[in-house]
């Protein structure tokens, strides 16, 4: 197996499903995740509007506060936006393309004329989305089987100096990085800072890299 991010073959075995790259430090599954199996309606999705999941709304509010000042005015693509809570906040001043595998939007979001919903796997439905100025991925990139390929695809639909804003697990945290992989069979890669540098090499400048908590990083990539 070679690293999905830097393509190094120097990999450290952790268990039957997980390896760590000795070059960039990213922790990753040694196989592709079956999207249909891991994200089926019954076992993965929950009623985000239920008070039981009020914590998720709080998480989304925190994510929005991380990146609201880094957004380029114009069209926005939110990848993996779940119920569209963040997209609704963004749509107050911008036009938003909201992508998700299934449609779990509220009626309010469905009626918002500044939000266009795009259903399906992001790597497949990108051709339905025109040029955008900002792309947002909150707890998404660690779910992608080939994040390097996706970043290249996103580069092509970004306008000049367009930005990708990413919230993801912190692979530089020795405990949290491994825990993210062990606890989430649907996670493919846990990124380190060096992994983000590899991901953006030759295409993006890293204009922000922030450890927002012990377990999360927030980074801003700007198109060269």
N, C-alpha and C. Protein backbone atom coordinates (compact mmCIF):
# COMPACT_ATOMS: atom_id res chain seq x y z
N UNK A 1 0.83 -1.20 0.00
CA UNK A 1 0.00 0.00 0.00
C UNK A 1 0.87 1.25 0.00
N UNK A 2 0.44 2.27 -0.73
CA UNK A 2 1.13 3.56 -0.68
C UNK A 2 0.19 4.62 -0.14
N UNK A 3 0.75 5.67 0.38
CA UNK A 3 -0.03 6.73 1.01
C UNK A 3 -0.96 7.39 -0.02
N UNK A 4 -2.20 7.62 0.39
CA UNK A 4 -3.18 8.26 -0.48
C UNK A 4 -2.88 9.74 -0.71
N UNK A 5 -2.03 10.31 0.13
CA UNK A 5 -1.77 11.75 0.05
C UNK A 5 -0.43 12.05 -0.60
N UNK A 6 0.67 11.48 -0.07
CA UNK A 6 2.00 11.81 -0.61
C UNK A 6 2.57 10.69 -1.49
N UNK A 7 1.85 9.56 -1.55
CA UNK A 7 2.22 8.41 -2.38
C UNK A 7 3.48 7.70 -1.92
N UNK A 8 3.91 7.97 -0.70
CA UNK A 8 5.05 7.24 -0.14
C UNK A 8 4.65 5.78 0.12
N UNK A 9 5.62 4.88 -0.02
CA UNK A 9 5.38 3.48 0.29
C UNK A 9 5.86 3.11 1.69
N UNK A 10 6.36 4.09 2.42
CA UNK A 10 6.81 3.86 3.78
C UNK A 10 5.63 3.98 4.74
N UNK A 11 4.97 2.86 4.97
CA UNK A 11 3.75 2.83 5.77
C UNK A 11 3.95 1.99 7.02
N UNK A 12 3.40 2.45 8.14
CA UNK A 12 3.48 1.72 9.40
C UNK A 12 2.15 1.04 9.68
N UNK A 13 2.18 -0.27 9.89
CA UNK A 13 0.98 -1.05 10.17
C UNK A 13 0.47 -0.74 11.57
N UNK A 14 -0.83 -0.41 11.67
CA UNK A 14 -1.45 -0.18 12.98
C UNK A 14 -2.39 -1.32 13.34
N UNK A 15 -3.31 -1.64 12.45
CA UNK A 15 -4.12 -2.84 12.59
C UNK A 15 -4.57 -3.28 11.21
N UNK A 16 -5.49 -4.23 11.14
CA UNK A 16 -5.86 -4.82 9.85
C UNK A 16 -6.43 -3.81 8.87
N UNK A 17 -6.98 -2.71 9.39
CA UNK A 17 -7.64 -1.73 8.53
C UNK A 17 -6.90 -0.40 8.40
N UNK A 18 -5.93 -0.14 9.27
CA UNK A 18 -5.35 1.20 9.38
C UNK A 18 -3.83 1.17 9.29
N UNK A 19 -3.29 2.14 8.53
CA UNK A 19 -1.85 2.34 8.44
C UNK A 19 -1.53 3.82 8.65
N UNK A 20 -0.26 4.09 8.98
CA UNK A 20 0.21 5.47 9.12
C UNK A 20 1.36 5.68 8.16
N UNK A 21 1.32 6.79 7.42
CA UNK A 21 2.40 7.12 6.50
C UNK A 21 3.58 7.68 7.30
N UNK A 22 4.76 7.11 7.11
CA UNK A 22 5.94 7.58 7.84
C UNK A 22 6.53 8.84 7.22
N UNK A 23 6.05 9.23 6.05
CA UNK A 23 6.54 10.45 5.41
C UNK A 23 5.70 11.66 5.81
N UNK A 24 4.38 11.63 5.53
CA UNK A 24 3.54 12.79 5.83
C UNK A 24 2.77 12.63 7.14
N UNK A 25 2.76 11.42 7.71
CA UNK A 25 2.13 11.21 9.00
C UNK A 25 0.64 10.96 8.97
N UNK A 26 0.00 11.03 7.79
CA UNK A 26 -1.44 10.83 7.71
C UNK A 26 -1.81 9.39 8.09
N UNK A 27 -2.89 9.26 8.85
CA UNK A 27 -3.41 7.95 9.25
C UNK A 27 -4.56 7.61 8.32
N UNK A 28 -4.57 6.39 7.78
CA UNK A 28 -5.54 6.11 6.74
C UNK A 28 -5.95 4.65 6.67
N UNK A 29 -7.18 4.45 6.15
CA UNK A 29 -7.66 3.11 5.89
C UNK A 29 -6.83 2.51 4.75
N UNK A 30 -6.58 1.21 4.82
CA UNK A 30 -5.81 0.58 3.76
C UNK A 30 -6.71 0.04 2.65
N UNK A 31 -7.96 0.48 2.65
CA UNK A 31 -8.89 0.10 1.60
C UNK A 31 -9.89 1.23 1.41
N UNK A 32 -10.57 1.23 0.27
CA UNK A 32 -11.60 2.24 0.04
C UNK A 32 -12.83 1.94 0.88
N UNK A 33 -13.50 3.01 1.31
CA UNK A 33 -14.74 2.87 2.05
C UNK A 33 -15.88 2.67 1.07
N UNK A 34 -16.78 1.75 1.37
CA UNK A 34 -17.96 1.50 0.55
C UNK A 34 -19.03 2.53 0.93
N UNK A 35 -19.20 3.57 0.10
CA UNK A 35 -20.14 4.64 0.42
C UNK A 35 -21.56 4.12 0.63
N UNK A 36 -22.00 3.21 -0.22
CA UNK A 36 -23.38 2.71 -0.13
C UNK A 36 -23.61 1.97 1.18
N UNK A 37 -22.58 1.26 1.64
CA UNK A 37 -22.70 0.52 2.90
C UNK A 37 -22.65 1.45 4.10
N UNK A 38 -21.70 2.38 4.12
CA UNK A 38 -21.49 3.21 5.30
C UNK A 38 -22.50 4.35 5.43
N UNK A 39 -23.09 4.78 4.33
CA UNK A 39 -23.97 5.94 4.38
C UNK A 39 -25.41 5.60 3.99
N UNK A 40 -25.85 4.38 4.32
CA UNK A 40 -27.24 4.05 3.99
C UNK A 40 -28.17 4.82 4.93
N UNK A 41 -29.38 5.07 4.44
CA UNK A 41 -30.32 5.95 5.15
C UNK A 41 -30.62 5.49 6.57
N UNK A 42 -30.74 4.19 6.77
CA UNK A 42 -31.20 3.65 8.05
C UNK A 42 -30.16 3.80 9.16
N UNK A 43 -28.93 3.48 8.85
CA UNK A 43 -27.92 3.36 9.90
C UNK A 43 -27.06 4.61 10.10
N UNK A 44 -26.98 5.49 9.11
CA UNK A 44 -26.04 6.62 9.22
C UNK A 44 -26.73 7.95 9.55
N UNK A 45 -27.83 8.26 8.88
CA UNK A 45 -28.44 9.57 9.00
C UNK A 45 -29.36 9.62 10.21
N UNK A 46 -29.47 10.76 10.82
CA UNK A 46 -30.37 10.94 11.95
C UNK A 46 -31.18 12.20 11.77
N UNK A 47 -32.22 12.36 12.57
CA UNK A 47 -33.10 13.51 12.48
C UNK A 47 -32.41 14.72 13.13
N UNK A 48 -31.79 15.54 12.30
CA UNK A 48 -31.02 16.66 12.79
C UNK A 48 -31.90 17.68 13.51
N UNK A 49 -33.20 17.67 13.22
CA UNK A 49 -34.10 18.64 13.83
C UNK A 49 -34.56 18.21 15.22
N UNK A 50 -34.23 17.00 15.61
CA UNK A 50 -34.60 16.51 16.94
C UNK A 50 -33.76 17.19 18.01
N UNK A 51 -34.37 17.49 19.16
CA UNK A 51 -33.64 18.12 20.26
C UNK A 51 -32.52 17.22 20.76
N UNK A 52 -32.63 15.93 20.50
CA UNK A 52 -31.60 14.98 20.91
C UNK A 52 -30.26 15.30 20.25
N UNK A 53 -30.32 15.94 19.08
CA UNK A 53 -29.11 16.25 18.33
C UNK A 53 -28.83 17.75 18.29
N UNK A 54 -29.24 18.44 19.35
CA UNK A 54 -28.97 19.88 19.45
C UNK A 54 -27.47 20.16 19.40
N UNK A 55 -26.67 19.19 19.85
CA UNK A 55 -25.21 19.34 19.84
C UNK A 55 -24.69 19.55 18.42
N UNK A 56 -25.38 18.94 17.43
CA UNK A 56 -24.91 19.06 16.05
C UNK A 56 -25.09 20.48 15.54
N UNK A 57 -26.20 21.09 15.90
CA UNK A 57 -26.43 22.48 15.50
C UNK A 57 -25.38 23.38 16.13
N UNK A 58 -25.03 23.12 17.40
CA UNK A 58 -23.99 23.91 18.07
C UNK A 58 -22.66 23.74 17.35
N UNK A 59 -22.35 22.50 16.94
CA UNK A 59 -21.13 22.25 16.17
C UNK A 59 -21.12 23.07 14.89
N UNK A 60 -22.24 23.07 14.18
CA UNK A 60 -22.31 23.81 12.92
C UNK A 60 -22.14 25.31 13.14
N UNK A 61 -22.72 25.83 14.22
CA UNK A 61 -22.55 27.25 14.54
C UNK A 61 -21.08 27.57 14.80
N UNK A 62 -20.40 26.68 15.51
CA UNK A 62 -18.97 26.87 15.76
C UNK A 62 -18.17 26.85 14.47
N UNK A 63 -18.48 25.89 13.58
CA UNK A 63 -17.78 25.81 12.30
C UNK A 63 -17.95 27.10 11.50
N UNK A 64 -19.19 27.59 11.47
CA UNK A 64 -19.46 28.82 10.74
C UNK A 64 -18.65 29.98 11.29
N UNK A 65 -18.54 30.06 12.60
CA UNK A 65 -17.76 31.14 13.22
C UNK A 65 -16.27 31.03 12.90
N UNK A 66 -15.78 29.79 12.67
CA UNK A 66 -14.38 29.62 12.30
C UNK A 66 -14.08 30.34 10.98
N UNK A 67 -14.98 30.15 10.00
CA UNK A 67 -14.61 30.54 8.64
C UNK A 67 -15.37 31.72 8.05
N UNK A 68 -16.29 32.32 8.78
CA UNK A 68 -17.13 33.35 8.17
C UNK A 68 -16.32 34.54 7.65
N UNK A 69 -15.17 34.82 8.27
CA UNK A 69 -14.35 35.96 7.82
C UNK A 69 -13.41 35.59 6.67
N UNK A 70 -13.35 34.31 6.32
CA UNK A 70 -12.44 33.86 5.25
C UNK A 70 -13.17 33.59 3.94
N UNK A 71 -14.45 33.87 3.89
CA UNK A 71 -15.25 33.58 2.70
C UNK A 71 -15.08 34.67 1.66
N UNK A 72 -14.83 34.25 0.43
CA UNK A 72 -14.80 35.18 -0.69
C UNK A 72 -16.23 35.44 -1.16
N UNK A 73 -16.65 36.68 -1.24
CA UNK A 73 -18.01 36.99 -1.67
C UNK A 73 -18.27 36.45 -3.06
N UNK A 74 -19.46 35.90 -3.26
CA UNK A 74 -19.81 35.32 -4.55
C UNK A 74 -20.51 33.99 -4.37
N UNK A 75 -20.33 33.10 -5.32
CA UNK A 75 -20.95 31.78 -5.25
C UNK A 75 -20.16 30.86 -4.32
N UNK A 76 -20.89 30.06 -3.55
CA UNK A 76 -20.28 29.16 -2.58
C UNK A 76 -20.76 27.75 -2.82
N UNK A 77 -19.87 26.78 -2.67
CA UNK A 77 -20.24 25.37 -2.68
C UNK A 77 -19.97 24.80 -1.30
N UNK A 78 -21.01 24.27 -0.65
CA UNK A 78 -20.82 23.55 0.61
C UNK A 78 -20.94 22.06 0.33
N UNK A 79 -19.87 21.33 0.56
CA UNK A 79 -19.84 19.89 0.31
C UNK A 79 -20.20 19.16 1.59
N UNK A 80 -21.13 18.20 1.48
CA UNK A 80 -21.54 17.45 2.66
C UNK A 80 -22.21 18.32 3.69
N UNK A 81 -23.16 19.13 3.27
CA UNK A 81 -23.77 20.13 4.14
C UNK A 81 -24.92 19.62 4.99
N UNK A 82 -25.17 18.32 4.99
CA UNK A 82 -26.21 17.71 5.84
C UNK A 82 -27.55 18.40 5.64
N UNK A 83 -28.12 18.95 6.73
CA UNK A 83 -29.46 19.56 6.64
C UNK A 83 -29.44 20.96 6.06
N UNK A 84 -28.25 21.51 5.81
CA UNK A 84 -28.16 22.82 5.18
C UNK A 84 -28.16 23.99 6.13
N UNK A 85 -27.91 23.75 7.41
CA UNK A 85 -27.93 24.84 8.39
C UNK A 85 -26.87 25.90 8.07
N UNK A 86 -25.65 25.45 7.75
CA UNK A 86 -24.59 26.40 7.41
C UNK A 86 -24.91 27.11 6.10
N UNK A 87 -25.42 26.35 5.13
CA UNK A 87 -25.78 26.95 3.84
C UNK A 87 -26.81 28.07 4.02
N UNK A 88 -27.73 27.87 4.95
CA UNK A 88 -28.74 28.90 5.21
C UNK A 88 -28.08 30.18 5.72
N UNK A 89 -27.11 30.07 6.59
CA UNK A 89 -26.40 31.24 7.09
C UNK A 89 -25.62 31.93 5.96
N UNK A 90 -25.00 31.11 5.11
CA UNK A 90 -24.22 31.65 4.00
C UNK A 90 -25.10 32.34 2.97
N UNK A 91 -26.32 31.82 2.79
CA UNK A 91 -27.21 32.30 1.74
C UNK A 91 -27.80 33.67 2.03
N UNK A 92 -27.54 34.20 3.22
CA UNK A 92 -28.02 35.55 3.52
C UNK A 92 -27.32 36.59 2.64
N UNK A 93 -26.07 36.28 2.23
CA UNK A 93 -25.30 37.25 1.43
C UNK A 93 -24.74 36.66 0.13
N UNK A 94 -24.95 35.35 -0.10
CA UNK A 94 -24.34 34.68 -1.25
C UNK A 94 -25.30 33.65 -1.84
N UNK A 95 -24.97 33.19 -3.05
CA UNK A 95 -25.69 32.06 -3.63
C UNK A 95 -24.91 30.80 -3.31
N UNK A 96 -25.60 29.77 -2.82
CA UNK A 96 -24.94 28.58 -2.30
C UNK A 96 -25.40 27.32 -3.04
N UNK A 97 -24.44 26.51 -3.43
CA UNK A 97 -24.71 25.16 -3.92
C UNK A 97 -24.46 24.21 -2.75
N UNK A 98 -25.49 23.48 -2.35
CA UNK A 98 -25.42 22.56 -1.22
C UNK A 98 -25.42 21.14 -1.74
N UNK A 99 -24.33 20.40 -1.48
CA UNK A 99 -24.22 19.01 -1.95
C UNK A 99 -24.32 18.06 -0.77
N UNK A 100 -25.05 16.96 -0.97
CA UNK A 100 -25.13 15.90 0.03
C UNK A 100 -25.52 14.59 -0.66
N UNK A 101 -25.21 13.48 -0.03
CA UNK A 101 -25.52 12.16 -0.60
C UNK A 101 -27.01 11.89 -0.62
N UNK A 102 -27.70 12.34 0.43
CA UNK A 102 -29.15 12.18 0.50
C UNK A 102 -29.77 13.54 0.83
N UNK A 103 -31.08 13.64 0.65
CA UNK A 103 -31.76 14.90 0.88
C UNK A 103 -32.39 14.89 2.27
N UNK A 104 -31.76 15.59 3.22
CA UNK A 104 -32.30 15.67 4.58
C UNK A 104 -32.54 17.13 4.96
N UNK A 105 -32.80 17.96 3.95
CA UNK A 105 -33.03 19.39 4.20
C UNK A 105 -34.37 19.63 4.89
N UNK A 106 -34.45 20.71 5.63
CA UNK A 106 -35.72 21.15 6.19
C UNK A 106 -36.53 21.84 5.09
N UNK A 107 -37.82 21.98 5.33
CA UNK A 107 -38.69 22.68 4.37
C UNK A 107 -38.18 24.11 4.15
N UNK A 108 -37.73 24.73 5.23
CA UNK A 108 -37.24 26.11 5.15
C UNK A 108 -36.06 26.21 4.18
N UNK A 109 -35.14 25.25 4.26
CA UNK A 109 -33.98 25.25 3.37
C UNK A 109 -34.42 24.98 1.93
N UNK A 110 -35.37 24.07 1.76
CA UNK A 110 -35.85 23.73 0.41
C UNK A 110 -36.50 24.93 -0.27
N UNK A 111 -37.06 25.82 0.51
CA UNK A 111 -37.75 26.98 -0.05
C UNK A 111 -36.84 28.19 -0.25
N UNK A 112 -35.59 28.08 0.18
CA UNK A 112 -34.66 29.19 0.07
C UNK A 112 -34.16 29.30 -1.38
N UNK A 113 -34.47 30.40 -2.03
CA UNK A 113 -34.14 30.58 -3.45
C UNK A 113 -32.65 30.82 -3.68
N UNK A 114 -31.91 31.11 -2.63
CA UNK A 114 -30.47 31.33 -2.77
C UNK A 114 -29.65 30.06 -2.55
N UNK A 115 -30.34 28.92 -2.40
CA UNK A 115 -29.66 27.65 -2.20
C UNK A 115 -30.12 26.66 -3.27
N UNK A 116 -29.17 26.11 -4.01
CA UNK A 116 -29.48 25.05 -4.98
C UNK A 116 -28.91 23.73 -4.46
N UNK A 117 -29.78 22.75 -4.30
CA UNK A 117 -29.36 21.45 -3.77
C UNK A 117 -28.87 20.55 -4.89
N UNK A 118 -27.72 19.90 -4.66
CA UNK A 118 -27.15 18.97 -5.63
C UNK A 118 -26.96 17.63 -4.91
N UNK A 119 -27.73 16.64 -5.31
CA UNK A 119 -27.71 15.34 -4.64
C UNK A 119 -26.77 14.37 -5.35
N UNK A 120 -25.95 13.67 -4.54
CA UNK A 120 -25.08 12.65 -5.11
C UNK A 120 -23.66 12.74 -4.60
N UNK A 121 -22.86 11.77 -4.94
CA UNK A 121 -21.46 11.73 -4.54
C UNK A 121 -20.71 12.89 -5.19
N UNK A 122 -19.99 13.67 -4.41
CA UNK A 122 -19.42 14.93 -4.90
C UNK A 122 -18.52 14.73 -6.11
N UNK A 123 -17.72 13.68 -6.13
CA UNK A 123 -16.81 13.46 -7.26
C UNK A 123 -17.57 13.27 -8.57
N UNK A 124 -18.82 12.83 -8.47
CA UNK A 124 -19.63 12.54 -9.65
C UNK A 124 -20.47 13.74 -10.08
N UNK A 125 -20.96 14.52 -9.12
CA UNK A 125 -21.90 15.60 -9.45
C UNK A 125 -21.25 16.96 -9.63
N UNK A 126 -19.93 17.03 -9.57
CA UNK A 126 -19.25 18.32 -9.72
C UNK A 126 -19.54 18.99 -11.06
N UNK A 127 -19.83 18.17 -12.06
CA UNK A 127 -20.10 18.76 -13.39
C UNK A 127 -21.43 19.52 -13.42
N UNK A 128 -22.21 19.43 -12.35
CA UNK A 128 -23.47 20.16 -12.28
C UNK A 128 -23.29 21.52 -11.61
N UNK A 129 -22.06 21.81 -11.20
CA UNK A 129 -21.80 23.03 -10.44
C UNK A 129 -20.88 23.95 -11.24
N UNK A 130 -21.27 25.20 -11.44
CA UNK A 130 -20.41 26.14 -12.20
C UNK A 130 -19.27 26.67 -11.34
N UNK A 131 -18.55 27.65 -11.85
CA UNK A 131 -17.45 28.25 -11.10
C UNK A 131 -17.96 28.83 -9.77
N UNK A 132 -17.18 28.62 -8.72
CA UNK A 132 -17.53 29.18 -7.41
C UNK A 132 -16.31 29.90 -6.85
N UNK A 133 -16.55 30.74 -5.84
CA UNK A 133 -15.49 31.53 -5.24
C UNK A 133 -14.97 30.93 -3.94
N UNK A 134 -15.83 30.17 -3.27
CA UNK A 134 -15.46 29.53 -2.01
C UNK A 134 -16.06 28.14 -1.94
N UNK A 135 -15.27 27.18 -1.46
CA UNK A 135 -15.75 25.82 -1.22
C UNK A 135 -15.55 25.51 0.26
N UNK A 136 -16.58 24.96 0.88
CA UNK A 136 -16.54 24.67 2.31
C UNK A 136 -16.73 23.18 2.54
N UNK A 137 -15.84 22.59 3.36
CA UNK A 137 -15.95 21.18 3.73
C UNK A 137 -15.76 21.06 5.24
N UNK A 138 -16.85 20.92 5.98
CA UNK A 138 -16.78 20.74 7.43
C UNK A 138 -16.94 19.26 7.76
N UNK A 139 -15.88 18.66 8.29
CA UNK A 139 -15.89 17.23 8.61
C UNK A 139 -16.33 16.39 7.41
N UNK A 140 -15.69 16.65 6.27
CA UNK A 140 -16.03 15.97 5.03
C UNK A 140 -14.82 15.28 4.40
N UNK A 141 -13.68 15.99 4.32
CA UNK A 141 -12.57 15.48 3.53
C UNK A 141 -12.03 14.15 4.07
N UNK A 142 -12.22 13.90 5.37
CA UNK A 142 -11.75 12.64 5.95
C UNK A 142 -12.64 11.47 5.55
N UNK A 143 -13.76 11.76 4.86
CA UNK A 143 -14.65 10.71 4.38
C UNK A 143 -14.39 10.32 2.92
N UNK A 144 -13.53 11.05 2.24
CA UNK A 144 -13.34 10.88 0.80
C UNK A 144 -12.27 9.82 0.52
N UNK A 145 -12.58 8.89 -0.39
CA UNK A 145 -11.62 7.82 -0.70
C UNK A 145 -10.36 8.33 -1.37
N UNK A 146 -10.49 9.33 -2.22
CA UNK A 146 -9.33 9.87 -2.92
C UNK A 146 -9.31 11.39 -2.78
N UNK A 147 -8.93 11.90 -1.60
CA UNK A 147 -8.99 13.35 -1.37
C UNK A 147 -8.09 14.15 -2.30
N UNK A 148 -6.96 13.57 -2.70
CA UNK A 148 -6.06 14.30 -3.60
C UNK A 148 -6.72 14.53 -4.96
N UNK A 149 -7.41 13.53 -5.46
CA UNK A 149 -8.12 13.66 -6.73
C UNK A 149 -9.24 14.68 -6.61
N UNK A 150 -9.95 14.65 -5.47
CA UNK A 150 -11.04 15.60 -5.27
C UNK A 150 -10.52 17.02 -5.24
N UNK A 151 -9.42 17.27 -4.54
CA UNK A 151 -8.86 18.61 -4.47
C UNK A 151 -8.50 19.12 -5.86
N UNK A 152 -7.99 18.25 -6.71
CA UNK A 152 -7.68 18.64 -8.09
C UNK A 152 -8.94 19.01 -8.85
N UNK A 153 -10.02 18.25 -8.62
CA UNK A 153 -11.30 18.56 -9.26
C UNK A 153 -11.83 19.92 -8.77
N UNK A 154 -11.72 20.16 -7.48
CA UNK A 154 -12.23 21.41 -6.92
C UNK A 154 -11.42 22.60 -7.42
N UNK A 155 -10.14 22.41 -7.63
CA UNK A 155 -9.28 23.45 -8.17
C UNK A 155 -9.84 23.96 -9.50
N UNK A 156 -10.36 23.04 -10.30
CA UNK A 156 -10.83 23.39 -11.64
C UNK A 156 -12.12 24.19 -11.64
N UNK A 157 -12.92 24.12 -10.56
CA UNK A 157 -14.17 24.89 -10.56
C UNK A 157 -14.05 26.16 -9.72
N UNK A 158 -12.89 26.38 -9.11
CA UNK A 158 -12.68 27.59 -8.33
C UNK A 158 -12.30 28.77 -9.22
N UNK A 159 -12.81 29.93 -8.89
CA UNK A 159 -12.40 31.15 -9.59
C UNK A 159 -10.97 31.51 -9.18
N UNK A 160 -10.38 32.49 -9.86
CA UNK A 160 -9.04 32.94 -9.51
C UNK A 160 -9.00 33.39 -8.04
N UNK A 161 -7.98 32.92 -7.32
CA UNK A 161 -7.81 33.22 -5.90
C UNK A 161 -8.96 32.67 -5.04
N UNK A 162 -9.71 31.73 -5.61
CA UNK A 162 -10.78 31.10 -4.85
C UNK A 162 -10.22 30.28 -3.70
N UNK A 163 -11.07 30.01 -2.72
CA UNK A 163 -10.61 29.37 -1.49
C UNK A 163 -11.37 28.08 -1.17
N UNK A 164 -10.66 27.14 -0.53
CA UNK A 164 -11.28 25.96 0.06
C UNK A 164 -11.08 26.05 1.57
N UNK A 165 -12.18 26.01 2.31
CA UNK A 165 -12.14 26.08 3.77
C UNK A 165 -12.45 24.69 4.32
N UNK A 166 -11.54 24.15 5.13
CA UNK A 166 -11.65 22.76 5.57
C UNK A 166 -11.60 22.67 7.09
N UNK A 167 -12.57 21.98 7.66
CA UNK A 167 -12.53 21.58 9.07
C UNK A 167 -12.41 20.06 9.09
N UNK A 168 -11.40 19.54 9.79
CA UNK A 168 -11.20 18.09 9.79
C UNK A 168 -10.45 17.65 11.05
N UNK A 169 -10.33 16.34 11.24
CA UNK A 169 -9.64 15.79 12.41
C UNK A 169 -8.15 16.15 12.38
N UNK A 170 -7.56 16.27 13.56
CA UNK A 170 -6.16 16.65 13.70
C UNK A 170 -5.28 15.41 13.84
N UNK A 171 -4.62 15.03 12.75
CA UNK A 171 -3.76 13.86 12.76
C UNK A 171 -2.46 14.05 13.50
N UNK A 172 -2.11 15.31 13.81
CA UNK A 172 -0.89 15.57 14.59
C UNK A 172 -1.11 15.34 16.08
N UNK A 173 -2.34 15.20 16.49
CA UNK A 173 -2.65 14.83 17.87
C UNK A 173 -2.50 13.31 17.97
N UNK A 174 -1.50 12.81 18.69
CA UNK A 174 -1.21 11.37 18.71
C UNK A 174 -2.39 10.52 19.12
N UNK A 175 -3.20 11.02 20.06
CA UNK A 175 -4.34 10.25 20.54
C UNK A 175 -5.57 10.48 19.66
N UNK A 176 -5.89 11.75 19.43
CA UNK A 176 -7.10 12.08 18.69
C UNK A 176 -7.07 11.62 17.25
N UNK A 177 -5.90 11.70 16.60
CA UNK A 177 -5.79 11.29 15.21
C UNK A 177 -6.09 9.82 15.02
N UNK A 178 -5.55 8.99 15.88
CA UNK A 178 -5.80 7.55 15.78
C UNK A 178 -7.22 7.23 16.19
N UNK A 179 -7.71 7.90 17.23
CA UNK A 179 -9.07 7.65 17.71
C UNK A 179 -10.11 7.93 16.63
N UNK A 180 -9.85 8.96 15.83
CA UNK A 180 -10.77 9.31 14.75
C UNK A 180 -10.92 8.15 13.77
N UNK A 181 -9.82 7.47 13.48
CA UNK A 181 -9.88 6.33 12.56
C UNK A 181 -10.52 5.11 13.22
N UNK A 182 -10.18 4.85 14.46
CA UNK A 182 -10.71 3.67 15.15
C UNK A 182 -12.22 3.78 15.39
N UNK A 183 -12.70 4.98 15.68
CA UNK A 183 -14.11 5.17 16.01
C UNK A 183 -15.01 5.38 14.81
N UNK A 184 -14.41 5.63 13.65
CA UNK A 184 -15.22 5.97 12.47
C UNK A 184 -14.82 5.09 11.28
N UNK A 185 -15.52 3.99 11.07
CA UNK A 185 -15.19 3.13 9.93
C UNK A 185 -15.37 3.82 8.59
N UNK A 186 -16.14 4.93 8.57
CA UNK A 186 -16.37 5.65 7.31
C UNK A 186 -15.30 6.70 7.04
N UNK A 187 -14.36 6.90 7.96
CA UNK A 187 -13.26 7.84 7.73
C UNK A 187 -12.14 7.16 6.95
N UNK A 188 -11.61 7.86 5.96
CA UNK A 188 -10.56 7.28 5.12
C UNK A 188 -9.18 7.80 5.46
N UNK A 189 -9.06 9.11 5.74
CA UNK A 189 -7.76 9.71 6.03
C UNK A 189 -7.89 10.71 7.17
N UNK A 190 -6.96 10.66 8.13
CA UNK A 190 -6.84 11.69 9.15
C UNK A 190 -5.57 12.49 8.83
N UNK A 191 -5.74 13.79 8.57
CA UNK A 191 -4.67 14.62 8.03
C UNK A 191 -3.77 15.22 9.10
N UNK A 192 -2.50 15.28 8.79
CA UNK A 192 -1.52 16.06 9.54
C UNK A 192 -1.29 17.38 8.79
N UNK A 193 -0.54 18.29 9.41
CA UNK A 193 -0.21 19.53 8.70
C UNK A 193 0.61 19.23 7.45
N UNK A 194 1.55 18.29 7.56
CA UNK A 194 2.35 17.93 6.38
C UNK A 194 1.47 17.32 5.31
N UNK A 195 0.44 16.57 5.72
CA UNK A 195 -0.49 16.01 4.75
C UNK A 195 -1.27 17.08 4.01
N UNK A 196 -1.69 18.13 4.73
CA UNK A 196 -2.38 19.26 4.09
C UNK A 196 -1.45 19.95 3.11
N UNK A 197 -0.17 20.07 3.48
CA UNK A 197 0.81 20.69 2.58
C UNK A 197 0.97 19.85 1.31
N UNK A 198 0.99 18.54 1.45
CA UNK A 198 1.08 17.65 0.29
C UNK A 198 -0.17 17.77 -0.58
N UNK A 199 -1.32 17.87 0.09
CA UNK A 199 -2.59 17.95 -0.63
C UNK A 199 -2.68 19.21 -1.48
N UNK A 200 -2.10 20.29 -0.99
CA UNK A 200 -2.23 21.58 -1.66
C UNK A 200 -1.05 21.93 -2.58
N UNK A 201 -0.03 21.10 -2.57
CA UNK A 201 1.21 21.39 -3.29
C UNK A 201 0.98 21.73 -4.76
N UNK A 202 1.60 22.82 -5.21
CA UNK A 202 1.58 23.29 -6.61
C UNK A 202 0.25 23.89 -7.05
N UNK A 203 -0.79 23.82 -6.22
CA UNK A 203 -2.09 24.33 -6.62
C UNK A 203 -2.64 25.39 -5.66
N UNK A 204 -2.30 25.27 -4.38
CA UNK A 204 -2.88 26.17 -3.38
C UNK A 204 -1.80 26.69 -2.43
N UNK A 205 -2.04 27.89 -1.93
CA UNK A 205 -1.28 28.42 -0.80
C UNK A 205 -2.10 28.18 0.47
N UNK A 206 -1.42 27.78 1.54
CA UNK A 206 -2.10 27.64 2.83
C UNK A 206 -2.04 29.00 3.52
N UNK A 207 -3.18 29.67 3.60
CA UNK A 207 -3.21 31.01 4.18
C UNK A 207 -3.61 30.97 5.66
N UNK A 208 -4.11 29.83 6.12
CA UNK A 208 -4.43 29.69 7.54
C UNK A 208 -4.38 28.21 7.91
N UNK A 209 -3.79 27.94 9.06
CA UNK A 209 -3.79 26.58 9.62
C UNK A 209 -3.93 26.74 11.12
N UNK A 210 -5.06 26.31 11.66
CA UNK A 210 -5.42 26.64 13.03
C UNK A 210 -5.93 25.40 13.75
N UNK A 211 -5.30 25.05 14.87
CA UNK A 211 -5.80 23.98 15.73
C UNK A 211 -6.91 24.56 16.60
N UNK A 212 -8.13 24.42 16.13
CA UNK A 212 -9.25 25.06 16.83
C UNK A 212 -9.62 24.33 18.12
N UNK A 213 -9.17 23.08 18.25
CA UNK A 213 -9.39 22.32 19.48
C UNK A 213 -8.33 21.23 19.53
N UNK A 214 -8.39 20.37 20.54
CA UNK A 214 -7.44 19.27 20.64
C UNK A 214 -7.61 18.27 19.52
N UNK A 215 -8.78 18.27 18.88
CA UNK A 215 -9.07 17.22 17.90
C UNK A 215 -9.38 17.74 16.50
N UNK A 216 -9.51 19.05 16.33
CA UNK A 216 -9.89 19.58 15.02
C UNK A 216 -8.89 20.62 14.52
N UNK A 217 -8.70 20.62 13.20
CA UNK A 217 -7.93 21.68 12.56
C UNK A 217 -8.84 22.41 11.57
N UNK A 218 -8.53 23.67 11.38
CA UNK A 218 -9.22 24.48 10.37
C UNK A 218 -8.16 25.08 9.47
N UNK A 219 -8.31 24.87 8.17
CA UNK A 219 -7.30 25.38 7.24
C UNK A 219 -7.97 26.06 6.05
N UNK A 220 -7.30 27.07 5.53
CA UNK A 220 -7.77 27.80 4.36
C UNK A 220 -6.76 27.63 3.24
N UNK A 221 -7.20 27.07 2.12
CA UNK A 221 -6.36 26.92 0.94
C UNK A 221 -6.81 27.94 -0.10
N UNK A 222 -5.86 28.69 -0.64
CA UNK A 222 -6.19 29.70 -1.66
C UNK A 222 -5.53 29.30 -2.98
N UNK A 223 -6.32 29.33 -4.03
CA UNK A 223 -5.84 28.92 -5.35
C UNK A 223 -4.72 29.82 -5.83
N UNK A 224 -3.63 29.20 -6.30
CA UNK A 224 -2.49 29.98 -6.81
C UNK A 224 -2.83 30.61 -8.16
